[in-house]
PDB file of all heavy atoms in Angstrom:
ATOM      1  N   GLU A   1     -11.356  -8.677  -7.096  1.00  0.00           N
ATOM      2  CA  GLU A   1     -11.285 -10.139  -6.851  1.00  0.00           C
ATOM      3  C   GLU A   1     -11.808 -10.447  -5.494  1.00  0.00           C
ATOM      4  O   GLU A   1     -11.221 -11.320  -4.768  1.00  0.00           O
ATOM      5  CB  GLU A   1      -9.901 -10.685  -7.076  1.00  0.00           C
ATOM      6  CG  GLU A   1      -9.362 -10.421  -8.489  1.00  0.00           C
ATOM      7  CD  GLU A   1      -7.995 -11.046  -8.702  1.00  0.00           C
ATOM      8  OE1 GLU A   1      -7.311 -11.389  -7.741  1.00  0.00           O
ATOM      9  OE2 GLU A   1      -7.558 -11.090  -9.892  1.00  0.00           O
ATOM     10  N   LEU A   2     -12.947  -9.850  -5.096  1.00  0.00           N
ATOM     11  CA  LEU A   2     -13.557 -10.125  -3.792  1.00  0.00           C
ATOM     12  C   LEU A   2     -14.586 -11.245  -3.942  1.00  0.00           C
ATOM     13  O   LEU A   2     -15.308 -11.347  -4.959  1.00  0.00           O
ATOM     14  CB  LEU A   2     -14.277  -8.831  -3.283  1.00  0.00           C
ATOM     15  CG  LEU A   2     -13.376  -7.615  -3.085  1.00  0.00           C
ATOM     16  CD1 LEU A   2     -14.216  -6.398  -2.765  1.00  0.00           C
ATOM     17  CD2 LEU A   2     -12.357  -7.851  -1.994  1.00  0.00           C
ATOM     18  N   THR A   3     -14.662 -12.068  -2.931  1.00  0.00           N
ATOM     19  CA  THR A   3     -15.589 -13.165  -2.887  1.00  0.00           C
ATOM     20  C   THR A   3     -16.739 -12.954  -1.854  1.00  0.00           C
ATOM     21  O   THR A   3     -17.398 -13.865  -1.468  1.00  0.00           O
ATOM     22  CB  THR A   3     -14.888 -14.514  -2.596  1.00  0.00           C
ATOM     23  OG1 THR A   3     -14.235 -14.361  -1.324  1.00  0.00           O
ATOM     24  CG2 THR A   3     -13.872 -14.821  -3.668  1.00  0.00           C
ATOM     25  N   CYS A   4     -16.924 -11.692  -1.477  1.00  0.00           N
ATOM     26  CA  CYS A   4     -17.934 -11.360  -0.467  1.00  0.00           C
ATOM     27  C   CYS A   4     -19.324 -11.326  -1.059  1.00  0.00           C
ATOM     28  O   CYS A   4     -19.469 -11.453  -2.280  1.00  0.00           O
ATOM     29  CB  CYS A   4     -17.610  -9.996   0.119  1.00  0.00           C
ATOM     30  SG  CYS A   4     -17.654  -8.647  -1.080  1.00  0.00           S
ATOM     31  N   GLY A   5     -20.285 -11.204  -0.226  1.00  0.00           N
ATOM     32  CA  GLY A   5     -21.690 -11.148  -0.688  1.00  0.00           C
ATOM     33  C   GLY A   5     -22.049  -9.868  -1.404  1.00  0.00           C
ATOM     34  O   GLY A   5     -21.440  -8.809  -1.145  1.00  0.00           O
ATOM     35  N   ILE A   6     -22.953  -9.988  -2.350  1.00  0.00           N
ATOM     36  CA  ILE A   6     -23.427  -8.851  -3.154  1.00  0.00           C
ATOM     37  C   ILE A   6     -24.898  -8.595  -2.768  1.00  0.00           C
ATOM     38  O   ILE A   6     -25.695  -9.526  -2.761  1.00  0.00           O
ATOM     39  CB  ILE A   6     -23.327  -9.193  -4.644  1.00  0.00           C
ATOM     40  CG1 ILE A   6     -21.894  -9.507  -5.051  1.00  0.00           C
ATOM     41  CG2 ILE A   6     -23.853  -8.013  -5.476  1.00  0.00           C
ATOM     42  CD1 ILE A   6     -20.918  -8.420  -4.831  1.00  0.00           C
ATOM     43  N   TYR A   7     -25.203  -7.353  -2.414  1.00  0.00           N
ATOM     44  CA  TYR A   7     -26.532  -7.053  -1.886  1.00  0.00           C
ATOM     45  C   TYR A   7     -27.078  -5.745  -2.500  1.00  0.00           C
ATOM     46  O   TYR A   7     -26.308  -4.882  -2.929  1.00  0.00           O
ATOM     47  CB  TYR A   7     -26.483  -6.851  -0.352  1.00  0.00           C
ATOM     48  CG  TYR A   7     -25.927  -8.049   0.390  1.00  0.00           C
ATOM     49  CD1 TYR A   7     -24.596  -8.179   0.687  1.00  0.00           C
ATOM     50  CD2 TYR A   7     -26.812  -9.037   0.823  1.00  0.00           C
ATOM     51  CE1 TYR A   7     -24.079  -9.260   1.380  1.00  0.00           C
ATOM     52  CE2 TYR A   7     -26.310 -10.172   1.520  1.00  0.00           C
ATOM     53  CZ  TYR A   7     -24.983 -10.252   1.807  1.00  0.00           C
ATOM     54  OH  TYR A   7     -24.469 -11.353   2.512  1.00  0.00           O
ATOM     55  N   THR A   8     -28.373  -5.672  -2.476  1.00  0.00           N
ATOM     56  CA  THR A   8     -29.054  -4.376  -2.784  1.00  0.00           C
ATOM     57  C   THR A   8     -29.736  -3.808  -1.553  1.00  0.00           C
ATOM     58  O   THR A   8     -30.299  -2.728  -1.596  1.00  0.00           O
ATOM     59  CB  THR A   8     -30.086  -4.573  -3.894  1.00  0.00           C
ATOM     60  OG1 THR A   8     -31.057  -5.555  -3.491  1.00  0.00           O
ATOM     61  CG2 THR A   8     -29.428  -4.983  -5.207  1.00  0.00           C
ATOM     62  N   ASP A   9     -29.655  -4.526  -0.420  1.00  0.00           N
ATOM     63  CA  ASP A   9     -30.290  -4.101   0.811  1.00  0.00           C
ATOM     64  C   ASP A   9     -29.262  -4.126   1.970  1.00  0.00           C
ATOM     65  O   ASP A   9     -28.721  -5.189   2.269  1.00  0.00           O
ATOM     66  CB  ASP A   9     -31.472  -4.974   1.150  1.00  0.00           C
ATOM     67  CG  ASP A   9     -32.181  -4.551   2.406  1.00  0.00           C
ATOM     68  OD1 ASP A   9     -32.952  -3.583   2.373  1.00  0.00           O
ATOM     69  OD2 ASP A   9     -31.948  -5.165   3.479  1.00  0.00           O
ATOM     70  N   LEU A  10     -29.033  -2.974   2.588  1.00  0.00           N
ATOM     71  CA  LEU A  10     -27.990  -2.890   3.637  1.00  0.00           C
ATOM     72  C   LEU A  10     -28.380  -3.699   4.844  1.00  0.00           C
ATOM     73  O   LEU A  10     -27.524  -4.387   5.434  1.00  0.00           O
ATOM     74  CB  LEU A  10     -27.777  -1.427   4.007  1.00  0.00           C
ATOM     75  CG  LEU A  10     -26.750  -1.228   5.156  1.00  0.00           C
ATOM     76  CD1 LEU A  10     -25.403  -1.760   4.805  1.00  0.00           C
ATOM     77  CD2 LEU A  10     -26.669   0.306   5.502  1.00  0.00           C
ATOM     78  N   ALA A  11     -29.617  -3.640   5.269  1.00  0.00           N
ATOM     79  CA  ALA A  11     -30.063  -4.418   6.477  1.00  0.00           C
ATOM     80  C   ALA A  11     -29.785  -5.891   6.266  1.00  0.00           C
ATOM     81  O   ALA A  11     -29.343  -6.586   7.207  1.00  0.00           O
ATOM     82  CB  ALA A  11     -31.521  -4.140   6.764  1.00  0.00           C
ATOM     83  N   GLN A  12     -30.093  -6.409   5.121  1.00  0.00           N
ATOM     84  CA  GLN A  12     -29.831  -7.802   4.847  1.00  0.00           C
ATOM     85  C   GLN A  12     -28.329  -8.099   4.845  1.00  0.00           C
ATOM     86  O   GLN A  12     -27.909  -9.123   5.407  1.00  0.00           O
ATOM     87  CB  GLN A  12     -30.421  -8.192   3.461  1.00  0.00           C
ATOM     88  CG  GLN A  12     -30.170  -9.634   3.069  1.00  0.00           C
ATOM     89  CD  GLN A  12     -30.613  -9.972   1.662  1.00  0.00           C
ATOM     90  OE1 GLN A  12     -31.053  -9.087   0.926  1.00  0.00           O
ATOM     91  NE2 GLN A  12     -30.472 -11.222   1.259  1.00  0.00           N
ATOM     92  N   ALA A  13     -27.542  -7.226   4.298  1.00  0.00           N
ATOM     93  CA  ALA A  13     -26.125  -7.407   4.286  1.00  0.00           C
ATOM     94  C   ALA A  13     -25.557  -7.468   5.694  1.00  0.00           C
ATOM     95  O   ALA A  13     -24.720  -8.324   6.040  1.00  0.00           O
ATOM     96  CB  ALA A  13     -25.401  -6.300   3.499  1.00  0.00           C
ATOM     97  N   LEU A  14     -26.013  -6.589   6.570  1.00  0.00           N
ATOM     98  CA  LEU A  14     -25.496  -6.571   7.954  1.00  0.00           C
ATOM     99  C   LEU A  14     -25.945  -7.840   8.675  1.00  0.00           C
ATOM    100  O   LEU A  14     -25.149  -8.387   9.470  1.00  0.00           O
ATOM    101  CB  LEU A  14     -26.064  -5.299   8.657  1.00  0.00           C
ATOM    102  CG  LEU A  14     -25.477  -3.976   8.138  1.00  0.00           C
ATOM    103  CD1 LEU A  14     -26.299  -2.785   8.710  1.00  0.00           C
ATOM    104  CD2 LEU A  14     -24.013  -3.841   8.549  1.00  0.00           C
ATOM    105  N   ALA A  15     -27.201  -8.231   8.478  1.00  0.00           N
ATOM    106  CA  ALA A  15     -27.677  -9.436   9.154  1.00  0.00           C
ATOM    107  C   ALA A  15     -26.927 -10.673   8.759  1.00  0.00           C
ATOM    108  O   ALA A  15     -26.641 -11.527   9.579  1.00  0.00           O
ATOM    109  CB  ALA A  15     -29.193  -9.569   8.928  1.00  0.00           C
ATOM    110  N   GLU A  16     -26.607 -10.769   7.477  1.00  0.00           N
ATOM    111  CA  GLU A  16     -26.040 -12.016   6.954  1.00  0.00           C
ATOM    112  C   GLU A  16     -24.520 -12.057   7.117  1.00  0.00           C
ATOM    113  O   GLU A  16     -23.927 -13.160   7.145  1.00  0.00           O
ATOM    114  CB  GLU A  16     -26.407 -12.228   5.490  1.00  0.00           C
ATOM    115  CG  GLU A  16     -27.908 -12.498   5.285  1.00  0.00           C
ATOM    116  CD  GLU A  16     -28.258 -12.775   3.850  1.00  0.00           C
ATOM    117  OE1 GLU A  16     -27.339 -12.873   3.004  1.00  0.00           O
ATOM    118  OE2 GLU A  16     -29.466 -12.933   3.540  1.00  0.00           O
ATOM    119  N   THR A  17     -23.876 -10.913   7.229  1.00  0.00           N
ATOM    120  CA  THR A  17     -22.384 -10.901   7.286  1.00  0.00           C
ATOM    121  C   THR A  17     -21.864 -10.722   8.680  1.00  0.00           C
ATOM    122  O   THR A  17     -20.656 -11.022   8.928  1.00  0.00           O
ATOM    123  CB  THR A  17     -21.819  -9.767   6.421  1.00  0.00           C
ATOM    124  OG1 THR A  17     -22.258  -8.491   6.940  1.00  0.00           O
ATOM    125  CG2 THR A  17     -22.262  -9.910   4.956  1.00  0.00           C
ATOM    126  N   GLY A  18     -22.681 -10.216   9.590  1.00  0.00           N
ATOM    127  CA  GLY A  18     -22.148  -9.904  10.920  1.00  0.00           C
ATOM    128  C   GLY A  18     -21.152  -8.753  10.919  1.00  0.00           C
ATOM    129  O   GLY A  18     -20.303  -8.702  11.816  1.00  0.00           O
ATOM    130  N   ALA A  19     -21.290  -7.853   9.979  1.00  0.00           N
ATOM    131  CA  ALA A  19     -20.345  -6.713   9.833  1.00  0.00           C
ATOM    132  C   ALA A  19     -20.449  -5.811  11.022  1.00  0.00           C
ATOM    133  O   ALA A  19     -21.517  -5.613  11.635  1.00  0.00           O
ATOM    134  CB  ALA A  19     -20.633  -5.933   8.595  1.00  0.00           C
ATOM    135  N   ASN A  20     -19.291  -5.248  11.454  1.00  0.00           N
ATOM    136  CA  ASN A  20     -19.282  -4.296  12.531  1.00  0.00           C
ATOM    137  C   ASN A  20     -18.883  -2.895  12.150  1.00  0.00           C
ATOM    138  O   ASN A  20     -18.729  -2.007  12.945  1.00  0.00           O
ATOM    139  CB  ASN A  20     -18.398  -4.799  13.686  1.00  0.00           C
ATOM    140  CG  ASN A  20     -16.965  -5.008  13.252  1.00  0.00           C
ATOM    141  OD1 ASN A  20     -16.536  -4.672  12.157  1.00  0.00           O
ATOM    142  ND2 ASN A  20     -16.182  -5.671  14.109  1.00  0.00           N
ATOM    143  N   LEU A  21     -18.685  -2.727  10.839  1.00  0.00           N
ATOM    144  CA  LEU A  21     -18.309  -1.389  10.293  1.00  0.00           C
ATOM    145  C   LEU A  21     -18.884  -1.223   8.865  1.00  0.00           C
ATOM    146  O   LEU A  21     -18.776  -2.155   8.063  1.00  0.00           O
ATOM    147  CB  LEU A  21     -16.790  -1.289  10.249  1.00  0.00           C
ATOM    148  CG  LEU A  21     -16.200   0.003   9.690  1.00  0.00           C
ATOM    149  CD1 LEU A  21     -16.666   1.243  10.453  1.00  0.00           C
ATOM    150  CD2 LEU A  21     -14.652  -0.049   9.675  1.00  0.00           C
ATOM    151  N   VAL A  22     -19.460  -0.074   8.621  1.00  0.00           N
ATOM    152  CA  VAL A  22     -20.008   0.237   7.321  1.00  0.00           C
ATOM    153  C   VAL A  22     -19.294   1.436   6.766  1.00  0.00           C
ATOM    154  O   VAL A  22     -19.121   2.460   7.464  1.00  0.00           O
ATOM    155  CB  VAL A  22     -21.514   0.528   7.361  1.00  0.00           C
ATOM    156  CG1 VAL A  22     -22.022   1.098   6.057  1.00  0.00           C
ATOM    157  CG2 VAL A  22     -22.296  -0.728   7.750  1.00  0.00           C
ATOM    158  N   PHE A  23     -18.818   1.312   5.528  1.00  0.00           N
ATOM    159  CA  PHE A  23     -18.303   2.454   4.761  1.00  0.00           C
ATOM    160  C   PHE A  23     -19.489   3.009   3.981  1.00  0.00           C
ATOM    161  O   PHE A  23     -20.015   2.321   3.082  1.00  0.00           O
ATOM    162  CB  PHE A  23     -17.226   2.031   3.770  1.00  0.00           C
ATOM    163  CG  PHE A  23     -15.868   1.719   4.390  1.00  0.00           C
ATOM    164  CD1 PHE A  23     -14.850   1.238   3.574  1.00  0.00           C
ATOM    165  CD2 PHE A  23     -15.586   1.961   5.722  1.00  0.00           C
ATOM    166  CE1 PHE A  23     -13.600   0.986   4.088  1.00  0.00           C
ATOM    167  CE2 PHE A  23     -14.356   1.667   6.263  1.00  0.00           C
ATOM    168  CZ  PHE A  23     -13.333   1.194   5.443  1.00  0.00           C
ATOM    169  N   ASP A  24     -19.912   4.206   4.252  1.00  0.00           N
ATOM    170  CA  ASP A  24     -21.044   4.812   3.514  1.00  0.00           C
ATOM    171  C   ASP A  24     -20.472   5.725   2.420  1.00  0.00           C
ATOM    172  O   ASP A  24     -20.028   6.858   2.720  1.00  0.00           O
ATOM    173  CB  ASP A  24     -21.946   5.641   4.438  1.00  0.00           C
ATOM    174  CG  ASP A  24     -23.094   6.321   3.702  1.00  0.00           C
ATOM    175  OD1 ASP A  24     -23.256   6.013   2.487  1.00  0.00           O
ATOM    176  OD2 ASP A  24     -23.740   7.191   4.288  1.00  0.00           O
ATOM    177  N   VAL A  25     -20.434   5.215   1.243  1.00  0.00           N
ATOM    178  CA  VAL A  25     -19.888   5.924   0.089  1.00  0.00           C
ATOM    179  C   VAL A  25     -20.976   6.188  -0.933  1.00  0.00           C
ATOM    180  O   VAL A  25     -20.760   6.178  -2.132  1.00  0.00           O
ATOM    181  CB  VAL A  25     -18.662   5.231  -0.547  1.00  0.00           C
ATOM    182  CG1 VAL A  25     -17.713   6.185  -1.185  1.00  0.00           C
ATOM    183  CG2 VAL A  25     -17.904   4.417   0.523  1.00  0.00           C
ATOM    184  N   THR A  26     -22.201   6.384  -0.414  1.00  0.00           N
ATOM    185  CA  THR A  26     -23.331   6.642  -1.280  1.00  0.00           C
ATOM    186  C   THR A  26     -23.495   8.115  -1.558  1.00  0.00           C
ATOM    187  O   THR A  26     -22.711   8.969  -1.069  1.00  0.00           O
ATOM    188  CB  THR A  26     -24.628   6.131  -0.594  1.00  0.00           C
ATOM    189  OG1 THR A  26     -24.822   6.856   0.614  1.00  0.00           O
ATOM    190  CG2 THR A  26     -24.552   4.618  -0.296  1.00  0.00           C
ATOM    191  N   ILE A  27     -24.501   8.474  -2.392  1.00  0.00           N
ATOM    192  CA  ILE A  27     -24.757   9.907  -2.655  1.00  0.00           C
ATOM    193  C   ILE A  27     -25.349  10.554  -1.414  1.00  0.00           C
ATOM    194  O   ILE A  27     -25.893   9.876  -0.567  1.00  0.00           O
ATOM    195  CB  ILE A  27     -25.677  10.030  -3.868  1.00  0.00           C
ATOM    196  CG1 ILE A  27     -27.041   9.469  -3.584  1.00  0.00           C
ATOM    197  CG2 ILE A  27     -25.057   9.414  -5.116  1.00  0.00           C
ATOM    198  CD1 ILE A  27     -28.063   9.728  -4.685  1.00  0.00           C
ATOM    199  N   PRO A  28     -25.230  11.890  -1.307  1.00  0.00           N
ATOM    200  CA  PRO A  28     -25.758  12.572  -0.100  1.00  0.00           C
ATOM    201  C   PRO A  28     -27.180  12.222   0.296  1.00  0.00           C
ATOM    202  O   PRO A  28     -27.480  12.108   1.464  1.00  0.00           O
ATOM    203  CB  PRO A  28     -25.595  14.042  -0.459  1.00  0.00           C
ATOM    204  CG  PRO A  28     -24.432  14.053  -1.404  1.00  0.00           C
ATOM    205  CD  PRO A  28     -24.574  12.836  -2.213  1.00  0.00           C
ATOM    206  N   ALA A  29     -28.063  12.036  -0.690  1.00  0.00           N
ATOM    207  CA  ALA A  29     -29.461  11.788  -0.367  1.00  0.00           C
ATOM    208  C   ALA A  29     -29.649  10.434   0.336  1.00  0.00           C
ATOM    209  O   ALA A  29     -30.704  10.213   0.965  1.00  0.00           O
ATOM    210  CB  ALA A  29     -30.275  11.779  -1.653  1.00  0.00           C
ATOM    211  N   SER A  30     -28.685   9.551   0.314  1.00  0.00           N
ATOM    212  CA  SER A  30     -28.791   8.238   0.937  1.00  0.00           C
ATOM    213  C   SER A  30     -28.120   8.134   2.300  1.00  0.00           C
ATOM    214  O   SER A  30     -28.242   7.136   2.955  1.00  0.00           O
ATOM    215  CB  SER A  30     -28.225   7.169   0.025  1.00  0.00           C
ATOM    216  OG  SER A  30     -28.922   7.127  -1.223  1.00  0.00           O
TER     217      SER A  30
END
């Protein structure tokens, strides 16, 4: 039940949200 932004591009997500922390839970290749 999150109302946050949905993105396919991390750079865009960081620019638009002003986030200061990223949880990287992607596959090893990413």
